[in-house]
C-alpha cells in the first residue's frame, strides 16, 4: 500500500480520486525538480567559493592594498 504523509498524517494513495492521483503525480514531479535545482545550486556555490578563494589568493600575491574604510557622514 503506497502512502503519502501530509501534515504528519499518512494516507493510502490508492484511496485518492483521479484528481488526487493527478495532484500527487504533479507534486512528486515538482519535488524531483526542486531536488535537481538544490543540487545545481550546490554546484554553483562550490564554484563560487573556489572563485572567491582564487581571487583572494591573486589579490594577496599582487600586494594590492585595500581601499580605506570611509567614515559615515556626520549630520
N, C-alpha and C. Protein backbone atom coordinates (compact mmCIF):
# COMPACT_ATOMS: atom_id res chain seq x y z
N UNK A 1 0.85 -1.18 0.00
CA UNK A 1 0.00 0.00 0.00
C UNK A 1 0.89 1.24 0.00
N UNK A 2 0.94 1.98 -1.12
CA UNK A 2 1.71 3.23 -1.15
C UNK A 2 1.05 4.29 -0.27
N UNK A 3 1.89 5.02 0.45
CA UNK A 3 1.38 6.02 1.39
C UNK A 3 1.96 7.38 1.06
N UNK A 4 1.24 8.40 1.51
CA UNK A 4 1.75 9.77 1.46
C UNK A 4 1.48 10.38 2.82
N UNK A 5 2.42 11.22 3.26
CA UNK A 5 2.27 11.88 4.56
C UNK A 5 2.08 13.37 4.32
N UNK A 6 0.96 13.89 4.81
CA UNK A 6 0.65 15.32 4.71
C UNK A 6 0.32 15.82 6.11
N UNK A 7 1.01 16.85 6.53
CA UNK A 7 0.78 17.42 7.87
C UNK A 7 0.85 16.35 8.96
N UNK A 8 1.87 15.48 8.83
CA UNK A 8 2.12 14.41 9.81
C UNK A 8 1.03 13.35 9.86
N UNK A 9 0.16 13.31 8.85
CA UNK A 9 -0.90 12.29 8.78
C UNK A 9 -0.67 11.48 7.51
N UNK A 10 -0.69 10.15 7.64
CA UNK A 10 -0.47 9.28 6.49
C UNK A 10 -1.80 8.91 5.83
N UNK A 11 -1.75 8.83 4.49
CA UNK A 11 -2.91 8.45 3.71
C UNK A 11 -2.50 7.36 2.72
N UNK A 12 -3.44 6.49 2.39
CA UNK A 12 -3.23 5.47 1.37
C UNK A 12 -3.46 6.13 0.02
N UNK A 13 -2.44 6.15 -0.82
CA UNK A 13 -2.57 6.83 -2.12
C UNK A 13 -3.55 6.12 -3.04
N UNK A 14 -3.78 4.85 -2.80
CA UNK A 14 -4.74 4.11 -3.63
C UNK A 14 -6.18 4.57 -3.39
N UNK A 15 -6.39 5.26 -2.27
CA UNK A 15 -7.73 5.77 -1.96
C UNK A 15 -8.01 7.12 -2.61
N UNK A 16 -7.02 7.72 -3.25
CA UNK A 16 -7.20 9.03 -3.86
C UNK A 16 -8.07 8.94 -5.11
N UNK A 17 -8.82 10.00 -5.37
CA UNK A 17 -9.60 10.10 -6.60
C UNK A 17 -8.63 10.29 -7.77
N UNK A 18 -9.17 10.30 -8.98
CA UNK A 18 -8.32 10.56 -10.16
C UNK A 18 -7.65 11.92 -10.04
N UNK A 19 -8.41 12.90 -9.59
CA UNK A 19 -7.86 14.25 -9.41
C UNK A 19 -6.76 14.23 -8.35
N UNK A 20 -7.00 13.50 -7.26
CA UNK A 20 -5.99 13.37 -6.21
C UNK A 20 -4.74 12.69 -6.73
N UNK A 21 -4.91 11.64 -7.53
CA UNK A 21 -3.76 10.93 -8.12
C UNK A 21 -2.97 11.88 -9.03
N UNK A 22 -3.69 12.69 -9.81
CA UNK A 22 -3.02 13.65 -10.70
C UNK A 22 -2.24 14.68 -9.89
N UNK A 23 -2.85 15.17 -8.80
CA UNK A 23 -2.16 16.13 -7.93
C UNK A 23 -0.92 15.50 -7.30
N UNK A 24 -1.04 14.24 -6.90
CA UNK A 24 0.09 13.53 -6.30
C UNK A 24 1.24 13.40 -7.31
N UNK A 25 0.91 13.04 -8.54
CA UNK A 25 1.95 12.92 -9.58
C UNK A 25 2.61 14.27 -9.84
N UNK A 26 1.82 15.33 -9.87
CA UNK A 26 2.38 16.67 -10.06
C UNK A 26 3.29 17.05 -8.90
N UNK A 27 2.86 16.74 -7.69
CA UNK A 27 3.66 17.02 -6.50
C UNK A 27 4.98 16.26 -6.55
N UNK A 28 4.92 14.98 -6.90
CA UNK A 28 6.13 14.17 -6.98
C UNK A 28 7.08 14.70 -8.05
N UNK A 29 6.53 15.12 -9.19
CA UNK A 29 7.35 15.71 -10.25
C UNK A 29 8.05 16.97 -9.75
N UNK A 30 7.29 17.84 -9.07
CA UNK A 30 7.86 19.08 -8.55
C UNK A 30 8.95 18.81 -7.53
N UNK A 31 8.75 17.83 -6.67
CA UNK A 31 9.76 17.51 -5.67
C UNK A 31 11.06 17.04 -6.31
N UNK A 32 10.95 16.27 -7.39
CA UNK A 32 12.16 15.83 -8.12
C UNK A 32 12.85 17.03 -8.74
N UNK A 33 12.08 17.92 -9.36
CA UNK A 33 12.67 19.10 -9.99
C UNK A 33 13.34 20.01 -8.97
N UNK A 34 12.70 20.17 -7.81
CA UNK A 34 13.28 21.01 -6.75
C UNK A 34 14.59 20.41 -6.23
N UNK A 35 14.66 19.09 -6.13
CA UNK A 35 15.90 18.46 -5.68
C UNK A 35 17.00 18.67 -6.72
N UNK A 36 16.65 18.59 -7.99
CA UNK A 36 17.63 18.86 -9.05
C UNK A 36 18.17 20.29 -8.92
N UNK A 37 17.28 21.24 -8.66
CA UNK A 37 17.70 22.63 -8.50
C UNK A 37 18.60 22.81 -7.28
N UNK A 38 18.26 22.14 -6.18
CA UNK A 38 19.11 22.23 -4.99
C UNK A 38 20.50 21.68 -5.28
N UNK A 39 20.56 20.59 -6.03
CA UNK A 39 21.86 20.02 -6.40
C UNK A 39 22.63 20.97 -7.30
N UNK A 40 21.94 21.59 -8.23
CA UNK A 40 22.59 22.54 -9.13
C UNK A 40 23.11 23.75 -8.35
N UNK A 41 22.33 24.25 -7.42
CA UNK A 41 22.76 25.38 -6.59
C UNK A 41 24.00 25.00 -5.79
N UNK A 42 24.05 23.78 -5.28
CA UNK A 42 25.23 23.34 -4.53
C UNK A 42 26.47 23.38 -5.41
N UNK A 43 26.34 23.00 -6.67
CA UNK A 43 27.48 23.07 -7.60
C UNK A 43 27.91 24.52 -7.79
N UNK A 44 26.94 25.41 -7.99
CA UNK A 44 27.26 26.83 -8.17
C UNK A 44 27.92 27.42 -6.93
N UNK A 45 27.45 27.04 -5.76
CA UNK A 45 28.04 27.55 -4.52
C UNK A 45 29.48 27.08 -4.36
N UNK A 46 29.74 25.84 -4.74
CA UNK A 46 31.11 25.32 -4.69
C UNK A 46 32.00 26.10 -5.65
N UNK A 47 31.51 26.34 -6.85
CA UNK A 47 32.28 27.12 -7.83
C UNK A 47 32.51 28.54 -7.31
N UNK A 48 31.50 29.13 -6.70
CA UNK A 48 31.63 30.48 -6.16
C UNK A 48 32.72 30.53 -5.10
N UNK A 49 32.72 29.57 -4.21
CA UNK A 49 33.75 29.52 -3.16
C UNK A 49 35.14 29.37 -3.76
N UNK A 50 35.25 28.58 -4.81
CA UNK A 50 36.54 28.38 -5.48
C UNK A 50 37.02 29.68 -6.12
N UNK A 51 36.12 30.39 -6.79
CA UNK A 51 36.50 31.66 -7.43
C UNK A 51 36.87 32.71 -6.39
N UNK A 52 36.14 32.77 -5.28
CA UNK A 52 36.47 33.72 -4.22
C UNK A 52 37.85 33.43 -3.66
N UNK A 53 38.14 32.16 -3.41
CA UNK A 53 39.46 31.78 -2.88
C UNK A 53 40.56 32.13 -3.88
N UNK A 54 40.32 31.88 -5.16
CA UNK A 54 41.31 32.21 -6.19
C UNK A 54 41.53 33.71 -6.28
N UNK A 55 40.46 34.48 -6.19
CA UNK A 55 40.58 35.93 -6.25
C UNK A 55 41.33 36.47 -5.04
N UNK A 56 41.04 35.94 -3.86
CA UNK A 56 41.78 36.37 -2.66
C UNK A 56 43.26 36.05 -2.79
N UNK A 57 43.58 34.88 -3.31
CA UNK A 57 44.98 34.50 -3.49
C UNK A 57 45.66 35.42 -4.49
N UNK A 58 44.97 35.77 -5.55
CA UNK A 58 45.53 36.67 -6.57
C UNK A 58 45.78 38.05 -5.97
N UNK A 59 44.83 38.55 -5.20
CA UNK A 59 45.00 39.87 -4.57
C UNK A 59 46.18 39.84 -3.60
N UNK A 60 46.28 38.78 -2.82
CA UNK A 60 47.37 38.68 -1.85
C UNK A 60 48.72 38.62 -2.55
N UNK A 61 48.83 37.87 -3.62
CA UNK A 61 50.12 37.74 -4.32
C UNK A 61 50.47 38.99 -5.11
N UNK A 62 49.49 39.83 -5.39
CA UNK A 62 49.74 41.07 -6.14
C UNK A 62 50.02 42.25 -5.22
N UNK A 63 49.96 42.04 -3.92
CA UNK A 63 50.18 43.11 -2.94
C UNK A 63 49.26 44.30 -3.16
N UNK A 64 48.04 44.03 -3.52
CA UNK A 64 47.05 45.09 -3.69
C UNK A 64 46.57 45.52 -2.32
N UNK A 65 46.56 46.81 -2.09
CA UNK A 65 46.12 47.36 -0.81
C UNK A 65 44.60 47.57 -0.82
N UNK A 66 43.95 47.29 0.28
CA UNK A 66 42.51 47.55 0.34
C UNK A 66 42.23 49.05 0.37
N UNK A 67 41.05 49.41 -0.08
CA UNK A 67 40.65 50.81 -0.03
C UNK A 67 40.40 51.21 1.42
N UNK A 68 40.65 52.47 1.75
CA UNK A 68 40.38 52.90 3.13
C UNK A 68 38.88 52.85 3.43
N UNK A 69 38.57 52.55 4.67
CA UNK A 69 37.18 52.50 5.09
C UNK A 69 36.70 53.92 5.30
N UNK A 70 35.58 54.23 4.66
CA UNK A 70 35.04 55.59 4.78
C UNK A 70 34.19 55.69 6.04
N UNK A 71 34.33 56.80 6.74
CA UNK A 71 33.50 57.06 7.92
C UNK A 71 32.13 57.49 7.45
N UNK A 72 31.09 57.11 8.20
CA UNK A 72 29.75 57.58 7.83
C UNK A 72 29.68 59.10 7.94
N UNK A 73 28.93 59.69 7.05
CA UNK A 73 28.78 61.15 7.05
C UNK A 73 28.11 61.60 8.33
N UNK A 74 28.67 62.67 8.93
CA UNK A 74 28.07 63.21 10.14
C UNK A 74 27.09 64.30 9.77
N UNK A 75 25.97 64.33 10.46
CA UNK A 75 24.93 65.32 10.15
C UNK A 75 25.10 66.57 10.96
